[in-house]
């Protein structure tokens, strides 16, 4: 059985033109190549708080809507939350992998080539 981070990795790497790198000590995924690559998802493994989670770029209004619906699963992450990024818990209630896949795809679209 794969860990939540392994499942997240598989979702990210299944998207086109994605590279995994360590950023701020955590696995992170970048869309694009070279210096123009932009991060769209990063793991937060108890790095800033007591959660295993990931942070992702999110379309306008998504962070507010999801945090408003379910504070056990979603949160406003430090440092990037003011830019609309969304925090998603991987260690709380059973992760909704269908929704996580959609969030990862949306984040990739925001950061990727042709944005």
N, C-alpha and C. Protein backbone atom coordinates (compact mmCIF):
# COMPACT_ATOMS: atom_id res chain seq x y z
N UNK A 1 0.84 -1.19 0.00
CA UNK A 1 0.00 0.00 0.00
C UNK A 1 0.88 1.25 0.00
N UNK A 2 0.55 2.19 -0.84
CA UNK A 2 1.35 3.41 -0.95
C UNK A 2 1.00 4.39 0.15
N UNK A 3 2.00 5.16 0.57
CA UNK A 3 1.77 6.20 1.55
C UNK A 3 1.05 7.37 0.87
N UNK A 4 0.46 8.27 1.67
CA UNK A 4 -0.18 9.44 1.06
C UNK A 4 0.77 10.27 0.20
N UNK A 5 2.02 10.41 0.62
CA UNK A 5 2.97 11.19 -0.18
C UNK A 5 3.28 10.47 -1.49
N UNK A 6 3.37 9.15 -1.46
CA UNK A 6 3.59 8.40 -2.70
C UNK A 6 2.40 8.55 -3.65
N UNK A 7 1.20 8.54 -3.10
CA UNK A 7 0.00 8.75 -3.95
C UNK A 7 0.00 10.15 -4.55
N UNK A 8 0.35 11.14 -3.73
CA UNK A 8 0.42 12.52 -4.22
C UNK A 8 1.49 12.63 -5.31
N UNK A 9 2.63 12.02 -5.09
CA UNK A 9 3.72 12.03 -6.08
C UNK A 9 3.23 11.46 -7.41
N UNK A 10 2.53 10.35 -7.36
CA UNK A 10 2.03 9.72 -8.59
C UNK A 10 1.07 10.65 -9.33
N UNK A 11 0.20 11.34 -8.61
CA UNK A 11 -0.72 12.28 -9.25
C UNK A 11 0.04 13.41 -9.93
N UNK A 12 1.03 13.96 -9.24
CA UNK A 12 1.80 15.08 -9.80
C UNK A 12 2.61 14.65 -11.01
N UNK A 13 3.30 13.52 -10.89
CA UNK A 13 4.19 13.09 -11.97
C UNK A 13 3.43 12.56 -13.19
N UNK A 14 2.15 12.29 -13.04
CA UNK A 14 1.33 11.85 -14.18
C UNK A 14 0.98 13.01 -15.11
N UNK A 15 1.18 14.23 -14.65
CA UNK A 15 0.88 15.41 -15.46
C UNK A 15 2.05 15.74 -16.37
N UNK A 16 1.79 16.41 -17.50
CA UNK A 16 2.88 16.70 -18.44
C UNK A 16 3.86 17.74 -17.92
N UNK A 17 5.12 17.55 -18.31
CA UNK A 17 6.19 18.52 -18.06
C UNK A 17 6.34 18.86 -16.58
N UNK A 18 6.41 17.82 -15.74
CA UNK A 18 6.53 17.99 -14.29
C UNK A 18 7.86 17.41 -13.82
N UNK A 19 8.48 18.11 -12.91
CA UNK A 19 9.73 17.67 -12.31
C UNK A 19 9.59 17.74 -10.79
N UNK A 20 10.09 16.71 -10.11
CA UNK A 20 10.11 16.72 -8.64
C UNK A 20 11.47 17.24 -8.18
N UNK A 21 11.43 18.12 -7.21
CA UNK A 21 12.64 18.65 -6.57
C UNK A 21 12.37 18.79 -5.08
N UNK A 22 13.43 18.84 -4.31
CA UNK A 22 13.29 19.16 -2.89
C UNK A 22 13.37 20.68 -2.77
N UNK A 23 12.38 21.25 -2.12
CA UNK A 23 12.36 22.68 -1.88
C UNK A 23 11.97 22.90 -0.42
N UNK A 24 12.74 23.70 0.28
CA UNK A 24 12.49 23.95 1.69
C UNK A 24 12.47 22.63 2.48
N UNK A 25 13.27 21.66 2.03
CA UNK A 25 13.39 20.39 2.72
C UNK A 25 12.26 19.41 2.48
N UNK A 26 11.36 19.71 1.54
CA UNK A 26 10.18 18.87 1.30
C UNK A 26 10.09 18.52 -0.19
N UNK A 27 9.50 17.35 -0.51
CA UNK A 27 9.24 17.04 -1.91
C UNK A 27 8.28 18.09 -2.48
N UNK A 28 8.62 18.56 -3.67
CA UNK A 28 7.82 19.59 -4.33
C UNK A 28 7.79 19.29 -5.82
N UNK A 29 6.75 19.76 -6.50
CA UNK A 29 6.60 19.50 -7.92
C UNK A 29 6.47 20.80 -8.67
N UNK A 30 7.19 20.85 -9.79
CA UNK A 30 7.29 22.05 -10.61
C UNK A 30 6.79 21.75 -12.01
N UNK A 31 6.06 22.68 -12.58
CA UNK A 31 5.58 22.59 -13.95
C UNK A 31 6.48 23.45 -14.82
N UNK A 32 6.81 22.94 -15.98
CA UNK A 32 7.71 23.66 -16.87
C UNK A 32 9.12 23.13 -16.70
N UNK A 33 10.06 23.79 -17.33
CA UNK A 33 11.44 23.31 -17.26
C UNK A 33 12.40 24.45 -17.00
N UNK A 34 13.54 24.06 -16.48
CA UNK A 34 14.60 25.03 -16.24
C UNK A 34 14.21 26.12 -15.26
N UNK A 35 14.75 27.30 -15.50
CA UNK A 35 14.50 28.42 -14.59
C UNK A 35 13.07 28.92 -14.65
N UNK A 36 12.35 28.57 -15.70
CA UNK A 36 10.96 29.02 -15.84
C UNK A 36 9.98 28.10 -15.13
N UNK A 37 10.45 26.98 -14.62
CA UNK A 37 9.56 26.05 -13.93
C UNK A 37 8.97 26.73 -12.69
N UNK A 38 7.71 26.43 -12.45
CA UNK A 38 7.02 27.02 -11.30
C UNK A 38 6.47 25.93 -10.41
N UNK A 39 6.67 26.08 -9.10
CA UNK A 39 6.13 25.12 -8.16
C UNK A 39 4.62 25.19 -8.16
N UNK A 40 3.99 24.00 -8.11
CA UNK A 40 2.53 23.99 -8.02
C UNK A 40 2.03 23.16 -6.85
N UNK A 41 2.85 22.26 -6.31
CA UNK A 41 2.49 21.47 -5.13
C UNK A 41 3.75 21.26 -4.29
N UNK A 42 3.59 21.35 -2.98
CA UNK A 42 4.69 20.99 -2.07
C UNK A 42 4.14 20.27 -0.86
N UNK A 43 4.91 19.29 -0.38
CA UNK A 43 4.54 18.55 0.82
C UNK A 43 4.91 19.39 2.03
N UNK A 44 4.13 19.27 3.08
CA UNK A 44 4.46 19.86 4.38
C UNK A 44 4.32 18.74 5.40
N UNK A 45 5.45 18.07 5.65
CA UNK A 45 5.48 16.91 6.55
C UNK A 45 5.87 17.37 7.95
N UNK A 46 4.88 17.88 8.68
CA UNK A 46 5.09 18.38 10.03
C UNK A 46 6.19 19.45 10.06
N UNK A 47 6.34 20.13 8.95
CA UNK A 47 7.41 21.12 8.81
C UNK A 47 7.07 22.44 9.51
N UNK A 48 5.83 22.86 9.39
CA UNK A 48 5.42 24.14 9.97
C UNK A 48 4.40 23.98 11.08
N UNK A 49 3.91 22.77 11.27
CA UNK A 49 2.89 22.50 12.28
C UNK A 49 2.84 21.00 12.53
N UNK A 50 1.77 20.51 13.10
CA UNK A 50 1.69 19.09 13.45
C UNK A 50 1.00 18.26 12.38
N UNK A 51 0.87 18.77 11.16
CA UNK A 51 0.13 18.09 10.10
C UNK A 51 1.05 17.48 9.05
N UNK A 52 0.60 16.37 8.48
CA UNK A 52 1.12 15.89 7.21
C UNK A 52 0.12 16.39 6.19
N UNK A 53 0.59 17.24 5.28
CA UNK A 53 -0.31 17.90 4.34
C UNK A 53 0.45 18.23 3.07
N UNK A 54 -0.26 18.82 2.14
CA UNK A 54 0.42 19.44 1.00
C UNK A 54 -0.22 20.80 0.77
N UNK A 55 0.55 21.66 0.15
CA UNK A 55 0.09 22.98 -0.22
C UNK A 55 0.07 23.03 -1.74
N UNK A 56 -0.95 23.66 -2.31
CA UNK A 56 -1.02 23.74 -3.77
C UNK A 56 -1.57 25.09 -4.21
N UNK A 57 -1.14 25.49 -5.41
CA UNK A 57 -1.72 26.67 -6.03
C UNK A 57 -3.19 26.35 -6.27
N UNK A 58 -4.04 27.36 -6.16
CA UNK A 58 -5.48 27.12 -6.34
C UNK A 58 -6.11 28.31 -7.06
N UNK A 59 -7.10 28.02 -7.90
CA UNK A 59 -7.80 29.11 -8.58
C UNK A 59 -8.47 30.05 -7.57
N UNK A 60 -8.67 31.28 -7.97
CA UNK A 60 -9.28 32.28 -7.10
C UNK A 60 -10.56 31.79 -6.45
N UNK A 61 -10.68 31.99 -5.15
CA UNK A 61 -11.87 31.62 -4.40
C UNK A 61 -11.89 30.19 -3.88
N UNK A 62 -11.03 29.33 -4.41
CA UNK A 62 -11.02 27.92 -4.00
C UNK A 62 -10.63 27.77 -2.54
N UNK A 63 -9.57 28.46 -2.14
CA UNK A 63 -9.12 28.34 -0.75
C UNK A 63 -10.24 28.73 0.22
N UNK A 64 -10.86 29.86 0.00
CA UNK A 64 -11.91 30.33 0.90
C UNK A 64 -13.09 29.37 0.93
N UNK A 65 -13.49 28.87 -0.23
CA UNK A 65 -14.64 27.97 -0.31
C UNK A 65 -14.37 26.66 0.42
N UNK A 66 -13.21 26.02 0.14
CA UNK A 66 -12.94 24.72 0.74
C UNK A 66 -12.65 24.83 2.24
N UNK A 67 -11.91 25.84 2.65
CA UNK A 67 -11.66 26.02 4.09
C UNK A 67 -12.99 26.30 4.80
N UNK A 68 -13.85 27.07 4.16
CA UNK A 68 -15.17 27.34 4.74
C UNK A 68 -16.04 26.10 4.86
N UNK A 69 -15.88 25.16 3.94
CA UNK A 69 -16.67 23.92 3.95
C UNK A 69 -16.15 22.90 4.95
N UNK A 70 -14.81 22.81 5.11
CA UNK A 70 -14.25 21.70 5.88
C UNK A 70 -12.88 22.05 6.45
N UNK A 71 -12.86 22.58 7.65
CA UNK A 71 -11.59 22.98 8.28
C UNK A 71 -10.78 21.79 8.79
N UNK A 72 -11.35 20.60 8.81
CA UNK A 72 -10.58 19.42 9.20
C UNK A 72 -9.70 18.94 8.05
N UNK A 73 -10.09 19.21 6.82
CA UNK A 73 -9.33 18.77 5.65
C UNK A 73 -8.49 19.89 5.03
N UNK A 74 -9.00 21.12 5.05
CA UNK A 74 -8.39 22.21 4.31
C UNK A 74 -8.01 23.35 5.24
N UNK A 75 -6.95 24.08 4.87
CA UNK A 75 -6.50 25.21 5.67
C UNK A 75 -5.74 26.20 4.80
N UNK A 76 -5.57 27.38 5.34
CA UNK A 76 -4.78 28.42 4.67
C UNK A 76 -3.33 28.25 5.12
N UNK A 77 -2.45 27.85 4.21
CA UNK A 77 -1.06 27.59 4.63
C UNK A 77 -0.28 28.87 4.89
N UNK A 78 0.73 28.78 5.77
CA UNK A 78 1.58 29.94 5.99
C UNK A 78 2.39 30.27 4.73
N UNK A 79 2.86 31.48 4.66
CA UNK A 79 3.76 31.96 3.60
C UNK A 79 3.08 32.14 2.24
N UNK A 80 2.27 31.20 1.80
CA UNK A 80 1.67 31.27 0.47
C UNK A 80 0.14 31.37 0.51
N UNK A 81 -0.44 31.25 1.68
CA UNK A 81 -1.89 31.32 1.80
C UNK A 81 -2.45 32.65 1.34
N UNK A 82 -1.72 33.73 1.58
CA UNK A 82 -2.19 35.06 1.15
C UNK A 82 -2.27 35.17 -0.37
N UNK A 83 -1.60 34.25 -1.09
CA UNK A 83 -1.65 34.24 -2.55
C UNK A 83 -2.70 33.27 -3.07
N UNK A 84 -3.52 32.72 -2.16
CA UNK A 84 -4.61 31.84 -2.57
C UNK A 84 -4.27 30.36 -2.54
N UNK A 85 -3.03 30.02 -2.16
CA UNK A 85 -2.68 28.60 -2.10
C UNK A 85 -3.53 27.92 -1.03
N UNK A 86 -3.74 26.63 -1.22
CA UNK A 86 -4.59 25.83 -0.34
C UNK A 86 -3.76 24.77 0.36
N UNK A 87 -4.00 24.57 1.65
CA UNK A 87 -3.41 23.48 2.40
C UNK A 87 -4.41 22.34 2.48
N UNK A 88 -3.93 21.11 2.24
CA UNK A 88 -4.79 19.92 2.25
C UNK A 88 -4.17 18.87 3.16
N UNK A 89 -4.88 18.49 4.19
CA UNK A 89 -4.39 17.48 5.13
C UNK A 89 -4.37 16.11 4.49
N UNK A 90 -3.30 15.38 4.77
CA UNK A 90 -3.19 13.99 4.34
C UNK A 90 -3.30 13.04 5.52
N UNK A 91 -3.32 13.58 6.74
CA UNK A 91 -3.33 12.73 7.93
C UNK A 91 -4.59 12.88 8.78
N UNK A 92 -5.55 13.64 8.32
CA UNK A 92 -6.79 13.82 9.07
C UNK A 92 -7.83 12.82 8.60
N UNK A 93 -9.03 13.32 8.33
CA UNK A 93 -10.07 12.43 7.78
C UNK A 93 -9.54 11.79 6.49
N UNK A 94 -10.05 10.62 6.15
CA UNK A 94 -9.59 9.92 4.94
C UNK A 94 -9.52 10.88 3.76
N UNK A 95 -8.36 11.01 3.14
CA UNK A 95 -8.24 11.93 2.01
C UNK A 95 -9.20 11.56 0.88
N UNK A 96 -9.77 12.56 0.26
CA UNK A 96 -10.63 12.38 -0.90
C UNK A 96 -9.72 12.46 -2.13
N UNK A 97 -9.24 11.31 -2.58
CA UNK A 97 -8.24 11.30 -3.65
C UNK A 97 -8.79 11.79 -4.98
N UNK A 98 -10.08 11.65 -5.20
CA UNK A 98 -10.67 12.23 -6.41
C UNK A 98 -10.55 13.73 -6.41
N UNK A 99 -10.92 14.35 -5.30
CA UNK A 99 -10.82 15.81 -5.19
C UNK A 99 -9.36 16.24 -5.19
N UNK A 100 -8.50 15.48 -4.53
CA UNK A 100 -7.07 15.82 -4.53
C UNK A 100 -6.53 15.79 -5.95
N UNK A 101 -6.92 14.80 -6.73
CA UNK A 101 -6.49 14.76 -8.13
C UNK A 101 -6.93 16.00 -8.89
N UNK A 102 -8.16 16.45 -8.65
CA UNK A 102 -8.66 17.66 -9.31
C UNK A 102 -7.88 18.89 -8.85
N UNK A 103 -7.59 18.98 -7.56
CA UNK A 103 -6.82 20.13 -7.04
C UNK A 103 -5.42 20.16 -7.63
N UNK A 104 -4.78 19.00 -7.73
CA UNK A 104 -3.43 18.92 -8.30
C UNK A 104 -3.47 19.34 -9.78
N UNK A 105 -4.46 18.88 -10.52
CA UNK A 105 -4.59 19.24 -11.93
C UNK A 105 -4.82 20.75 -12.09
N UNK A 106 -5.66 21.32 -11.23
CA UNK A 106 -5.89 22.77 -11.28
C UNK A 106 -4.61 23.54 -10.97
N UNK A 107 -3.87 23.09 -9.96
CA UNK A 107 -2.61 23.75 -9.59
C UNK A 107 -1.62 23.68 -10.74
N UNK A 108 -1.54 22.54 -11.39
CA UNK A 108 -0.63 22.38 -12.53
C UNK A 108 -1.02 23.34 -13.66
N UNK A 109 -2.31 23.44 -13.92
CA UNK A 109 -2.78 24.34 -14.98
C UNK A 109 -2.42 25.80 -14.68
N UNK A 110 -2.48 26.17 -13.40
CA UNK A 110 -2.13 27.54 -13.02
C UNK A 110 -0.65 27.84 -13.19
N UNK A 111 0.19 26.85 -12.98
CA UNK A 111 1.65 27.06 -13.01
C UNK A 111 2.31 26.65 -14.30
N UNK A 112 1.67 25.78 -15.06
CA UNK A 112 2.31 25.14 -16.19
C UNK A 112 2.44 25.99 -17.43
N UNK A 113 3.08 25.40 -18.45
CA UNK A 113 3.24 26.08 -19.73
C UNK A 113 1.90 26.47 -20.31
N UNK A 114 1.85 27.61 -20.93
CA UNK A 114 0.62 28.08 -21.52
C UNK A 114 -0.32 28.73 -20.53
N UNK A 115 0.16 28.99 -19.31
CA UNK A 115 -0.70 29.61 -18.29
C UNK A 115 -1.09 31.01 -18.70
